[in-house]
Amino acid sequence: MHAVAADGRDDAALLRAHLDGDQEAFGALVRRHQDRLWALALRTMGDREEAADALQDAMLSAYRAAERFRGDSAVTTWLHRIVVNACLDRIRRRQVRPTVPLAETDQHAAPAPDRDTALVVHDALRQLPPDQRVALVLVDLQGYSVADAAQVLGTAEGTIKSRCARGRARLAVLLGHLRNPTSGHNVGPVKGKEGAAHD
């Protein structure tokens, strides 16, 4: 289903208006989806500054590439794909040109019981290979179906299921102590059974 703006234009109409020279249309499109796009960038990057830079890169790319949108997927799927690609580009550049991670200065400190649980989860996500991380963010954190996540990432549904399964297995080891101090086998997907691996 296409999102519709207050003036009655859906996403595709806003994109066409942008191409036709409407200077407000692209901004309206971005504002409509910015919360979910920001959440995707933040959860994928695990760092607010990196996420903000990735999102800015993505929106600039979308602005410039709008004329290449062919309409074979929803505009929101196209935008999410551009954000994912911008995040993965930044992750790859960071791996090629490694810096000392900020978390290293306090990674041995004992976490506070509440607030820091989220930080531990974010840190664990950042330890996953990028393809597994993005699949888990889309399916378990963003609530995408496996089919929709496959469309965003331009890959097969079976690949998404496999990446989610491997990512969850690795998170179970990294985060097992949060559920059960004596076992690392009790951590499952963050929400629901959507995207659980089969076969």
N, C-alpha and C. Protein backbone atom coordinates (compact mmCIF):
# COMPACT_ATOMS: atom_id res chain seq x y z
N MET A 1 0.84 -1.20 0.00
CA MET A 1 0.00 0.00 0.00
C MET A 1 0.87 1.25 0.00
N HIS A 2 0.51 2.19 -0.84
CA HIS A 2 1.30 3.42 -0.95
C HIS A 2 0.85 4.43 0.10
N ALA A 3 1.81 5.04 0.78
CA ALA A 3 1.47 6.08 1.74
C ALA A 3 0.98 7.31 0.99
N VAL A 4 0.00 8.00 1.59
CA VAL A 4 -0.59 9.17 0.94
C VAL A 4 -0.37 10.40 1.79
N ALA A 5 0.06 11.48 1.16
CA ALA A 5 0.31 12.73 1.86
C ALA A 5 -0.99 13.44 2.14
N ALA A 6 -0.94 14.47 2.99
CA ALA A 6 -2.13 15.23 3.35
C ALA A 6 -2.79 15.85 2.13
N ASP A 7 -1.99 16.18 1.11
CA ASP A 7 -2.56 16.80 -0.09
C ASP A 7 -3.07 15.77 -1.09
N GLY A 8 -3.06 14.50 -0.70
CA GLY A 8 -3.61 13.46 -1.55
C GLY A 8 -2.61 12.75 -2.43
N ARG A 9 -1.37 13.22 -2.49
CA ARG A 9 -0.37 12.58 -3.34
C ARG A 9 0.28 11.40 -2.63
N ASP A 10 0.38 10.28 -3.31
CA ASP A 10 1.09 9.15 -2.72
C ASP A 10 2.58 9.29 -2.99
N ASP A 11 3.35 8.30 -2.52
CA ASP A 11 4.82 8.39 -2.65
C ASP A 11 5.27 8.55 -4.10
N ALA A 12 4.69 7.73 -4.97
CA ALA A 12 5.10 7.78 -6.38
C ALA A 12 4.78 9.14 -6.99
N ALA A 13 3.63 9.71 -6.61
CA ALA A 13 3.25 11.02 -7.15
C ALA A 13 4.21 12.10 -6.66
N LEU A 14 4.63 12.00 -5.41
CA LEU A 14 5.59 12.97 -4.87
C LEU A 14 6.92 12.85 -5.61
N LEU A 15 7.33 11.62 -5.90
CA LEU A 15 8.59 11.44 -6.61
C LEU A 15 8.50 12.01 -8.03
N ARG A 16 7.37 11.78 -8.67
CA ARG A 16 7.18 12.35 -10.01
C ARG A 16 7.16 13.88 -9.96
N ALA A 17 6.50 14.42 -8.92
CA ALA A 17 6.45 15.88 -8.78
C ALA A 17 7.86 16.44 -8.58
N HIS A 18 8.67 15.73 -7.80
CA HIS A 18 10.07 16.14 -7.62
C HIS A 18 10.79 16.20 -8.96
N LEU A 19 10.59 15.19 -9.78
CA LEU A 19 11.24 15.16 -11.09
C LEU A 19 10.71 16.25 -12.01
N ASP A 20 9.47 16.64 -11.77
CA ASP A 20 8.87 17.70 -12.59
C ASP A 20 9.23 19.10 -12.10
N GLY A 21 10.05 19.18 -11.05
CA GLY A 21 10.52 20.48 -10.59
C GLY A 21 9.87 21.02 -9.34
N ASP A 22 8.98 20.24 -8.71
CA ASP A 22 8.36 20.67 -7.45
C ASP A 22 9.42 20.62 -6.34
N GLN A 23 9.82 21.77 -5.85
CA GLN A 23 10.92 21.84 -4.89
C GLN A 23 10.54 21.37 -3.49
N GLU A 24 9.25 21.20 -3.24
CA GLU A 24 8.81 20.75 -1.91
C GLU A 24 8.57 19.24 -1.87
N ALA A 25 8.41 18.61 -3.02
CA ALA A 25 7.93 17.23 -3.06
C ALA A 25 8.90 16.25 -2.41
N PHE A 26 10.19 16.35 -2.72
CA PHE A 26 11.13 15.38 -2.18
C PHE A 26 11.22 15.52 -0.66
N GLY A 27 11.23 16.73 -0.16
CA GLY A 27 11.26 16.94 1.29
C GLY A 27 10.04 16.35 1.97
N ALA A 28 8.88 16.47 1.33
CA ALA A 28 7.66 15.90 1.89
C ALA A 28 7.76 14.38 1.94
N LEU A 29 8.33 13.80 0.90
CA LEU A 29 8.51 12.35 0.85
C LEU A 29 9.44 11.87 1.96
N VAL A 30 10.56 12.56 2.13
CA VAL A 30 11.52 12.18 3.17
C VAL A 30 10.92 12.34 4.56
N ARG A 31 10.20 13.44 4.79
CA ARG A 31 9.61 13.66 6.12
C ARG A 31 8.61 12.57 6.47
N ARG A 32 7.91 12.08 5.46
CA ARG A 32 6.90 11.04 5.72
C ARG A 32 7.55 9.77 6.25
N HIS A 33 8.73 9.44 5.74
CA HIS A 33 9.35 8.15 6.09
C HIS A 33 10.58 8.29 6.98
N GLN A 34 10.89 9.50 7.43
CA GLN A 34 12.17 9.72 8.10
C GLN A 34 12.33 8.93 9.40
N ASP A 35 11.25 8.70 10.14
CA ASP A 35 11.39 7.97 11.41
C ASP A 35 11.88 6.54 11.18
N ARG A 36 11.25 5.86 10.22
CA ARG A 36 11.65 4.47 9.95
C ARG A 36 13.03 4.41 9.29
N LEU A 37 13.32 5.38 8.43
CA LEU A 37 14.63 5.40 7.78
C LEU A 37 15.73 5.66 8.81
N TRP A 38 15.46 6.58 9.75
CA TRP A 38 16.44 6.87 10.81
C TRP A 38 16.64 5.65 11.69
N ALA A 39 15.55 4.97 12.06
CA ALA A 39 15.68 3.78 12.90
C ALA A 39 16.50 2.70 12.20
N LEU A 40 16.27 2.54 10.90
CA LEU A 40 17.04 1.56 10.13
C LEU A 40 18.53 1.92 10.12
N ALA A 41 18.84 3.17 9.87
CA ALA A 41 20.24 3.60 9.84
C ALA A 41 20.90 3.44 11.21
N LEU A 42 20.19 3.86 12.25
CA LEU A 42 20.77 3.80 13.60
C LEU A 42 21.02 2.37 14.04
N ARG A 43 20.05 1.49 13.79
CA ARG A 43 20.22 0.10 14.22
C ARG A 43 21.27 -0.62 13.40
N THR A 44 21.41 -0.23 12.15
CA THR A 44 22.43 -0.87 11.32
C THR A 44 23.82 -0.38 11.68
N MET A 45 23.97 0.92 11.92
CA MET A 45 25.29 1.48 12.21
C MET A 45 25.66 1.32 13.69
N GLY A 46 24.68 1.39 14.58
CA GLY A 46 24.96 1.28 16.01
C GLY A 46 25.63 2.51 16.60
N ASP A 47 25.60 3.61 15.88
CA ASP A 47 26.25 4.85 16.32
C ASP A 47 25.47 6.02 15.72
N ARG A 48 25.06 6.96 16.56
CA ARG A 48 24.19 8.04 16.09
C ARG A 48 24.86 8.92 15.04
N GLU A 49 26.11 9.24 15.25
CA GLU A 49 26.80 10.12 14.30
C GLU A 49 26.99 9.43 12.94
N GLU A 50 27.40 8.16 13.00
CA GLU A 50 27.57 7.39 11.76
C GLU A 50 26.23 7.21 11.06
N ALA A 51 25.19 6.96 11.85
CA ALA A 51 23.86 6.77 11.27
C ALA A 51 23.37 8.04 10.59
N ALA A 52 23.60 9.18 11.24
CA ALA A 52 23.18 10.46 10.66
C ALA A 52 23.91 10.72 9.35
N ASP A 53 25.20 10.41 9.31
CA ASP A 53 25.98 10.61 8.09
C ASP A 53 25.49 9.67 6.99
N ALA A 54 25.23 8.42 7.36
CA ALA A 54 24.75 7.44 6.37
C ALA A 54 23.40 7.85 5.81
N LEU A 55 22.51 8.33 6.69
CA LEU A 55 21.18 8.74 6.24
C LEU A 55 21.28 9.96 5.32
N GLN A 56 22.16 10.87 5.66
CA GLN A 56 22.36 12.05 4.81
C GLN A 56 22.90 11.63 3.44
N ASP A 57 23.87 10.72 3.43
CA ASP A 57 24.39 10.19 2.16
C ASP A 57 23.28 9.55 1.34
N ALA A 58 22.43 8.77 2.04
CA ALA A 58 21.36 8.04 1.36
C ALA A 58 20.35 8.99 0.73
N MET A 59 19.95 10.02 1.48
CA MET A 59 18.94 10.93 0.95
C MET A 59 19.48 11.76 -0.22
N LEU A 60 20.77 12.07 -0.16
CA LEU A 60 21.40 12.76 -1.29
C LEU A 60 21.43 11.86 -2.52
N SER A 61 21.75 10.58 -2.29
CA SER A 61 21.75 9.61 -3.39
C SER A 61 20.35 9.46 -3.98
N ALA A 62 19.35 9.37 -3.09
CA ALA A 62 17.97 9.22 -3.57
C ALA A 62 17.53 10.44 -4.37
N TYR A 63 17.90 11.61 -3.89
CA TYR A 63 17.56 12.86 -4.58
C TYR A 63 18.13 12.86 -6.00
N ARG A 64 19.38 12.44 -6.09
CA ARG A 64 20.05 12.45 -7.39
C ARG A 64 19.60 11.31 -8.31
N ALA A 65 19.18 10.19 -7.70
CA ALA A 65 18.86 9.00 -8.50
C ALA A 65 17.37 8.86 -8.76
N ALA A 66 16.58 9.84 -8.38
CA ALA A 66 15.12 9.72 -8.48
C ALA A 66 14.67 9.38 -9.90
N GLU A 67 15.34 9.93 -10.89
CA GLU A 67 14.91 9.68 -12.28
C GLU A 67 15.16 8.24 -12.71
N ARG A 68 15.99 7.52 -11.94
CA ARG A 68 16.24 6.11 -12.28
C ARG A 68 15.27 5.16 -11.59
N PHE A 69 14.38 5.69 -10.74
CA PHE A 69 13.38 4.84 -10.10
C PHE A 69 12.38 4.38 -11.16
N ARG A 70 12.26 3.06 -11.31
CA ARG A 70 11.44 2.52 -12.40
C ARG A 70 10.05 2.09 -11.95
N GLY A 71 9.78 2.14 -10.66
CA GLY A 71 8.45 1.78 -10.19
C GLY A 71 8.20 0.29 -10.08
N ASP A 72 9.26 -0.53 -10.11
CA ASP A 72 9.05 -1.97 -9.98
C ASP A 72 8.98 -2.41 -8.52
N SER A 73 9.09 -1.47 -7.61
CA SER A 73 8.87 -1.72 -6.18
C SER A 73 8.27 -0.46 -5.59
N ALA A 74 7.82 -0.54 -4.35
CA ALA A 74 7.28 0.65 -3.70
C ALA A 74 8.39 1.68 -3.48
N VAL A 75 8.02 2.95 -3.49
CA VAL A 75 9.01 4.01 -3.26
C VAL A 75 9.68 3.81 -1.91
N THR A 76 8.91 3.41 -0.89
CA THR A 76 9.50 3.23 0.44
C THR A 76 10.52 2.09 0.45
N THR A 77 10.27 1.03 -0.35
CA THR A 77 11.24 -0.06 -0.46
C THR A 77 12.52 0.46 -1.10
N TRP A 78 12.38 1.26 -2.13
CA TRP A 78 13.52 1.87 -2.81
C TRP A 78 14.33 2.74 -1.84
N LEU A 79 13.64 3.55 -1.04
CA LEU A 79 14.34 4.41 -0.07
C LEU A 79 15.07 3.57 0.98
N HIS A 80 14.42 2.52 1.48
CA HIS A 80 15.07 1.67 2.47
C HIS A 80 16.31 1.00 1.89
N ARG A 81 16.22 0.59 0.62
CA ARG A 81 17.37 -0.06 -0.02
C ARG A 81 18.54 0.92 -0.12
N ILE A 82 18.25 2.17 -0.43
CA ILE A 82 19.31 3.18 -0.54
C ILE A 82 19.95 3.43 0.82
N VAL A 83 19.14 3.47 1.88
CA VAL A 83 19.68 3.66 3.23
C VAL A 83 20.57 2.47 3.61
N VAL A 84 20.09 1.25 3.35
CA VAL A 84 20.89 0.06 3.65
C VAL A 84 22.23 0.11 2.92
N ASN A 85 22.20 0.45 1.63
CA ASN A 85 23.44 0.50 0.85
C ASN A 85 24.39 1.56 1.39
N ALA A 86 23.84 2.72 1.79
CA ALA A 86 24.69 3.78 2.36
C ALA A 86 25.34 3.30 3.66
N CYS A 87 24.58 2.59 4.47
CA CYS A 87 25.12 2.06 5.73
C CYS A 87 26.21 1.03 5.46
N LEU A 88 25.94 0.11 4.52
CA LEU A 88 26.93 -0.92 4.22
C LEU A 88 28.20 -0.32 3.64
N ASP A 89 28.05 0.73 2.83
CA ASP A 89 29.23 1.41 2.29
C ASP A 89 30.09 1.97 3.42
N ARG A 90 29.44 2.59 4.39
CA ARG A 90 30.18 3.16 5.52
C ARG A 90 30.84 2.08 6.35
N ILE A 91 30.13 0.97 6.55
CA ILE A 91 30.70 -0.15 7.32
C ILE A 91 31.93 -0.70 6.62
N ARG A 92 31.83 -0.86 5.29
CA ARG A 92 32.98 -1.39 4.53
C ARG A 92 34.17 -0.44 4.58
N ARG A 93 33.89 0.86 4.45
CA ARG A 93 34.99 1.83 4.52
C ARG A 93 35.65 1.82 5.89
N ARG A 94 34.83 1.64 6.91
CA ARG A 94 35.37 1.61 8.27
C ARG A 94 36.24 0.37 8.47
N GLN A 95 35.87 -0.75 7.83
CA GLN A 95 36.67 -1.97 7.96
C GLN A 95 37.99 -1.85 7.20
N VAL A 96 37.97 -1.15 6.07
CA VAL A 96 39.19 -0.94 5.30
C VAL A 96 40.13 0.02 6.01
N ARG A 97 39.50 1.03 6.65
CA ARG A 97 40.28 2.06 7.34
C ARG A 97 39.87 2.05 8.81
N PRO A 98 40.29 1.00 9.56
CA PRO A 98 39.80 0.84 10.93
C PRO A 98 40.23 1.96 11.86
N THR A 99 39.33 2.32 12.73
CA THR A 99 39.64 3.29 13.78
C THR A 99 39.42 2.61 15.12
N VAL A 100 39.92 3.20 16.16
CA VAL A 100 39.71 2.63 17.49
C VAL A 100 38.27 2.88 17.90
N PRO A 101 37.47 1.82 18.12
CA PRO A 101 36.07 2.04 18.47
C PRO A 101 35.92 2.72 19.81
N LEU A 102 34.95 3.62 19.90
CA LEU A 102 34.72 4.33 21.16
C LEU A 102 34.39 3.38 22.29
N ALA A 103 33.72 2.29 21.97
CA ALA A 103 33.28 1.36 23.02
C ALA A 103 34.47 0.71 23.71
N GLU A 104 35.64 0.71 23.05
CA GLU A 104 36.78 0.02 23.62
C GLU A 104 37.23 0.64 24.94
N THR A 105 36.94 1.92 25.14
CA THR A 105 37.40 2.57 26.35
C THR A 105 36.65 2.09 27.59
N ASP A 106 35.41 1.56 27.38
CA ASP A 106 34.65 1.17 28.57
C ASP A 106 34.04 -0.22 28.43
N GLN A 107 34.56 -1.02 27.51
CA GLN A 107 33.90 -2.30 27.25
C GLN A 107 34.03 -3.28 28.42
N HIS A 108 35.00 -3.06 29.32
CA HIS A 108 35.15 -3.97 30.44
C HIS A 108 34.40 -3.49 31.67
N ALA A 109 33.78 -2.31 31.57
CA ALA A 109 33.02 -1.81 32.72
C ALA A 109 31.75 -2.61 32.87
N ALA A 110 31.35 -2.87 34.12
CA ALA A 110 30.12 -3.61 34.37
C ALA A 110 28.92 -2.75 33.99
N PRO A 111 28.02 -3.26 33.13
CA PRO A 111 26.89 -2.45 32.70
C PRO A 111 25.86 -2.26 33.81
N ALA A 112 25.21 -1.11 33.81
CA ALA A 112 24.09 -0.90 34.72
C ALA A 112 22.95 -1.80 34.25
N PRO A 113 22.08 -2.25 35.18
CA PRO A 113 21.10 -3.27 34.83
C PRO A 113 20.12 -2.88 33.74
N ASP A 114 19.68 -1.61 33.68
CA ASP A 114 18.58 -1.26 32.77
C ASP A 114 19.03 -0.72 31.43
N ARG A 115 19.43 0.54 31.46
CA ARG A 115 19.71 1.28 30.24
C ARG A 115 20.78 0.61 29.39
N ASP A 116 21.78 0.03 30.04
CA ASP A 116 22.91 -0.49 29.30
C ASP A 116 22.62 -1.82 28.60
N THR A 117 21.49 -2.45 28.92
CA THR A 117 21.13 -3.66 28.19
C THR A 117 20.99 -3.35 26.70
N ALA A 118 20.37 -2.22 26.38
CA ALA A 118 20.22 -1.82 24.97
C ALA A 118 21.59 -1.59 24.34
N LEU A 119 22.53 -1.02 25.10
CA LEU A 119 23.87 -0.79 24.57
C LEU A 119 24.58 -2.10 24.30
N VAL A 120 24.37 -3.08 25.18
CA VAL A 120 24.99 -4.40 24.99
C VAL A 120 24.44 -5.05 23.72
N VAL A 121 23.12 -4.91 23.52
CA VAL A 121 22.50 -5.49 22.32
C VAL A 121 23.02 -4.80 21.07
N HIS A 122 23.11 -3.46 21.09
CA HIS A 122 23.65 -2.72 19.95
C HIS A 122 25.08 -3.15 19.66
N ASP A 123 25.88 -3.32 20.72
CA ASP A 123 27.27 -3.73 20.54
C ASP A 123 27.35 -5.12 19.93
N ALA A 124 26.46 -6.02 20.38
CA ALA A 124 26.43 -7.38 19.83
C ALA A 124 26.04 -7.35 18.35
N LEU A 125 25.06 -6.52 18.01
CA LEU A 125 24.65 -6.40 16.61
C LEU A 125 25.82 -5.95 15.74
N ARG A 126 26.62 -5.02 16.28
CA ARG A 126 27.74 -4.49 15.50
C ARG A 126 28.82 -5.55 15.27
N GLN A 127 28.80 -6.62 16.07
CA GLN A 127 29.78 -7.68 15.89
C GLN A 127 29.37 -8.69 14.81
N LEU A 128 28.13 -8.61 14.35
CA LEU A 128 27.67 -9.51 13.30
C LEU A 128 28.21 -9.06 11.94
N PRO A 129 28.40 -9.98 11.01
CA PRO A 129 28.73 -9.58 9.64
C PRO A 129 27.61 -8.67 9.12
N PRO A 130 27.95 -7.67 8.30
CA PRO A 130 26.96 -6.69 7.86
C PRO A 130 25.71 -7.30 7.23
N ASP A 131 25.84 -8.37 6.43
CA ASP A 131 24.66 -8.92 5.78
C ASP A 131 23.69 -9.54 6.79
N GLN A 132 24.23 -10.19 7.83
CA GLN A 132 23.38 -10.75 8.88
C GLN A 132 22.76 -9.63 9.71
N ARG A 133 23.55 -8.62 10.01
CA ARG A 133 23.07 -7.50 10.82
C ARG A 133 21.88 -6.81 10.15
N VAL A 134 22.02 -6.49 8.86
CA VAL A 134 20.96 -5.79 8.15
C VAL A 134 19.70 -6.64 8.06
N ALA A 135 19.86 -7.93 7.81
CA ALA A 135 18.69 -8.81 7.74
C ALA A 135 17.94 -8.83 9.07
N LEU A 136 18.68 -8.94 10.17
CA LEU A 136 18.05 -8.97 11.49
C LEU A 136 17.39 -7.63 11.83
N VAL A 137 18.05 -6.53 11.47
CA VAL A 137 17.46 -5.22 11.73
C VAL A 137 16.14 -5.08 10.99
N LEU A 138 16.10 -5.47 9.73
CA LEU A 138 14.88 -5.33 8.95
C LEU A 138 13.77 -6.23 9.48
N VAL A 139 14.07 -7.50 9.73
CA VAL A 139 13.03 -8.46 10.10
C VAL A 139 12.66 -8.38 11.58
N ASP A 140 13.65 -8.44 12.46
CA ASP A 140 13.36 -8.52 13.88
C ASP A 140 13.14 -7.17 14.55
N LEU A 141 13.80 -6.12 14.07
CA LEU A 141 13.68 -4.81 14.71
C LEU A 141 12.73 -3.87 13.97
N GLN A 142 12.77 -3.90 12.65
CA GLN A 142 11.89 -3.02 11.87
C GLN A 142 10.53 -3.66 11.59
N GLY A 143 10.42 -4.97 11.79
CA GLY A 143 9.14 -5.63 11.59
C GLY A 143 8.80 -5.98 10.16
N TYR A 144 9.80 -5.97 9.27
CA TYR A 144 9.56 -6.35 7.88
C TYR A 144 9.30 -7.85 7.78
N SER A 145 8.44 -8.25 6.84
CA SER A 145 8.31 -9.66 6.52
C SER A 145 9.58 -10.10 5.80
N VAL A 146 9.81 -11.40 5.76
CA VAL A 146 10.97 -11.91 5.04
C VAL A 146 10.90 -11.49 3.57
N ALA A 147 9.69 -11.54 2.99
CA ALA A 147 9.53 -11.18 1.58
C ALA A 147 9.89 -9.71 1.35
N ASP A 148 9.43 -8.83 2.24
CA ASP A 148 9.73 -7.41 2.07
C ASP A 148 11.22 -7.12 2.29
N ALA A 149 11.82 -7.80 3.27
CA ALA A 149 13.25 -7.62 3.51
C ALA A 149 14.05 -8.09 2.30
N ALA A 150 13.61 -9.18 1.69
CA ALA A 150 14.30 -9.68 0.50
C ALA A 150 14.22 -8.66 -0.63
N GLN A 151 13.07 -7.98 -0.74
CA GLN A 151 12.92 -6.97 -1.79
C GLN A 151 13.82 -5.77 -1.52
N VAL A 152 13.88 -5.34 -0.26
CA VAL A 152 14.74 -4.21 0.10
C VAL A 152 16.20 -4.52 -0.23
N LEU A 153 16.62 -5.74 0.11
CA LEU A 153 18.03 -6.10 -0.06
C LEU A 153 18.33 -6.68 -1.44
N GLY A 154 17.29 -6.88 -2.25
CA GLY A 154 17.51 -7.40 -3.59
C GLY A 154 18.07 -8.81 -3.60
N THR A 155 17.55 -9.66 -2.70
CA THR A 155 18.05 -11.03 -2.62
C THR A 155 16.88 -11.98 -2.41
N ALA A 156 17.15 -13.27 -2.40
CA ALA A 156 16.10 -14.27 -2.26
C ALA A 156 15.61 -14.37 -0.82
N GLU A 157 14.34 -14.78 -0.66
CA GLU A 157 13.78 -14.94 0.68
C GLU A 157 14.56 -15.97 1.49
N GLY A 158 14.99 -17.05 0.82
CA GLY A 158 15.76 -18.07 1.52
C GLY A 158 17.07 -17.52 2.07
N THR A 159 17.66 -16.58 1.34
CA THR A 159 18.90 -15.95 1.80
C THR A 159 18.64 -15.14 3.06
N ILE A 160 17.52 -14.41 3.09
CA ILE A 160 17.16 -13.62 4.28
C ILE A 160 16.96 -14.56 5.47
N LYS A 161 16.22 -15.65 5.26
CA LYS A 161 15.98 -16.60 6.36
C LYS A 161 17.30 -17.15 6.89
N SER A 162 18.20 -17.49 5.96
CA SER A 162 19.49 -18.04 6.35
C SER A 162 20.32 -17.03 7.13
N ARG A 163 20.35 -15.77 6.63
CA ARG A 163 21.11 -14.73 7.33
C ARG A 163 20.54 -14.46 8.72
N CYS A 164 19.21 -14.44 8.82
CA CYS A 164 18.58 -14.22 10.12
C CYS A 164 18.91 -15.36 11.08
N ALA A 165 18.83 -16.60 10.57
CA ALA A 165 19.12 -17.75 11.42
C ALA A 165 20.55 -17.72 11.94
N ARG A 166 21.49 -17.43 11.03
CA ARG A 166 22.90 -17.38 11.45
C ARG A 166 23.14 -16.21 12.41
N GLY A 167 22.50 -15.07 12.11
CA GLY A 167 22.67 -13.92 12.99
C GLY A 167 22.10 -14.16 14.37
N ARG A 168 20.92 -14.79 14.42
CA ARG A 168 20.31 -15.09 15.73
C ARG A 168 21.15 -16.08 16.52
N ALA A 169 21.71 -17.06 15.82
CA ALA A 169 22.56 -18.04 16.51
C ALA A 169 23.78 -17.36 17.12
N ARG A 170 24.35 -16.42 16.35
CA ARG A 170 25.53 -15.72 16.87
C ARG A 170 25.15 -14.80 18.03
N LEU A 171 23.99 -14.13 17.91
CA LEU A 171 23.53 -13.28 19.01
C LEU A 171 23.23 -14.11 20.25
N ALA A 172 22.76 -15.33 20.07
CA ALA A 172 22.47 -16.19 21.22
C ALA A 172 23.72 -16.43 22.05
N VAL A 173 24.85 -16.56 21.35
CA VAL A 173 26.13 -16.73 22.06
C VAL A 173 26.55 -15.42 22.73
N LEU A 174 26.42 -14.32 21.98
CA LEU A 174 26.88 -13.03 22.49
C LEU A 174 26.01 -12.50 23.62
N LEU A 175 24.71 -12.82 23.57
CA LEU A 175 23.76 -12.24 24.53
C LEU A 175 23.13 -13.26 25.46
N GLY A 176 23.63 -14.50 25.42
CA GLY A 176 23.02 -15.54 26.24
C GLY A 176 22.94 -15.19 27.71
N HIS A 177 23.94 -14.46 28.20
CA HIS A 177 23.98 -14.11 29.62
C HIS A 177 22.83 -13.19 30.03
N LEU A 178 22.21 -12.50 29.07
CA LEU A 178 21.10 -11.61 29.42
C LEU A 178 19.85 -12.37 29.80
N ARG A 179 19.68 -13.55 29.18
CA ARG A 179 18.49 -14.35 29.46
C ARG A 179 18.74 -15.38 30.55
N ASN A 180 19.92 -15.98 30.49
CA ASN A 180 20.22 -17.07 31.41
C ASN A 180 21.72 -17.09 31.66
N PRO A 181 22.15 -16.73 32.85
CA PRO A 181 23.59 -16.64 33.13
C PRO A 181 24.33 -17.94 32.91
N THR A 182 23.64 -19.08 32.91
CA THR A 182 24.33 -20.36 32.78
C THR A 182 24.25 -20.95 31.38
N SER A 183 23.51 -20.29 30.48
CA SER A 183 23.36 -20.85 29.15
C SER A 183 23.27 -19.76 28.11
N GLY A 184 23.84 -20.00 26.95
CA GLY A 184 23.76 -19.03 25.87
C GLY A 184 22.81 -19.46 24.78
N HIS A 185 21.86 -20.40 25.09
CA HIS A 185 21.00 -20.95 24.04
C HIS A 185 19.58 -20.46 24.13
N ASN A 186 19.33 -19.41 24.87
CA ASN A 186 17.96 -19.01 25.13
C ASN A 186 17.51 -17.74 24.44
N VAL A 187 18.35 -17.17 23.61
CA VAL A 187 18.00 -15.91 22.97
C VAL A 187 17.46 -16.19 21.58
N GLY A 188 16.26 -15.70 21.30
CA GLY A 188 15.64 -15.89 20.00
C GLY A 188 15.48 -14.55 19.32
N PRO A 189 14.63 -14.51 18.29
CA PRO A 189 14.41 -13.24 17.60
C PRO A 189 13.81 -12.20 18.52
N VAL A 190 14.03 -10.95 18.20
CA VAL A 190 13.59 -9.86 19.06
C VAL A 190 12.09 -9.78 19.12
N LYS A 191 11.39 -10.01 17.97
CA LYS A 191 9.95 -9.92 18.03
C LYS A 191 9.33 -10.96 17.13
N GLY A 192 8.35 -11.69 17.67
CA GLY A 192 7.55 -12.58 16.87
C GLY A 192 8.33 -13.68 16.21
N LYS A 193 7.63 -14.47 15.38
CA LYS A 193 8.29 -15.57 14.69
C LYS A 193 8.47 -15.26 13.23
N GLU A 194 8.13 -14.05 12.82
CA GLU A 194 8.28 -13.65 11.41
C GLU A 194 9.73 -13.75 11.02
N GLY A 195 9.99 -14.40 9.93
CA GLY A 195 11.35 -14.48 9.44
C GLY A 195 12.16 -15.57 10.08
N ALA A 196 11.50 -16.43 10.93
CA ALA A 196 12.26 -17.53 11.53
C ALA A 196 12.73 -18.45 10.43
N ALA A 197 13.90 -19.00 10.61
CA ALA A 197 14.47 -19.82 9.56
C ALA A 197 13.75 -21.15 9.46
N HIS A 198 13.54 -21.59 8.26
CA HIS A 198 13.02 -22.91 7.98
C HIS A 198 13.94 -23.55 6.95
N ASP A 199 13.91 -24.89 6.97
CA ASP A 199 14.73 -25.67 6.03
C ASP A 199 16.19 -25.60 6.39
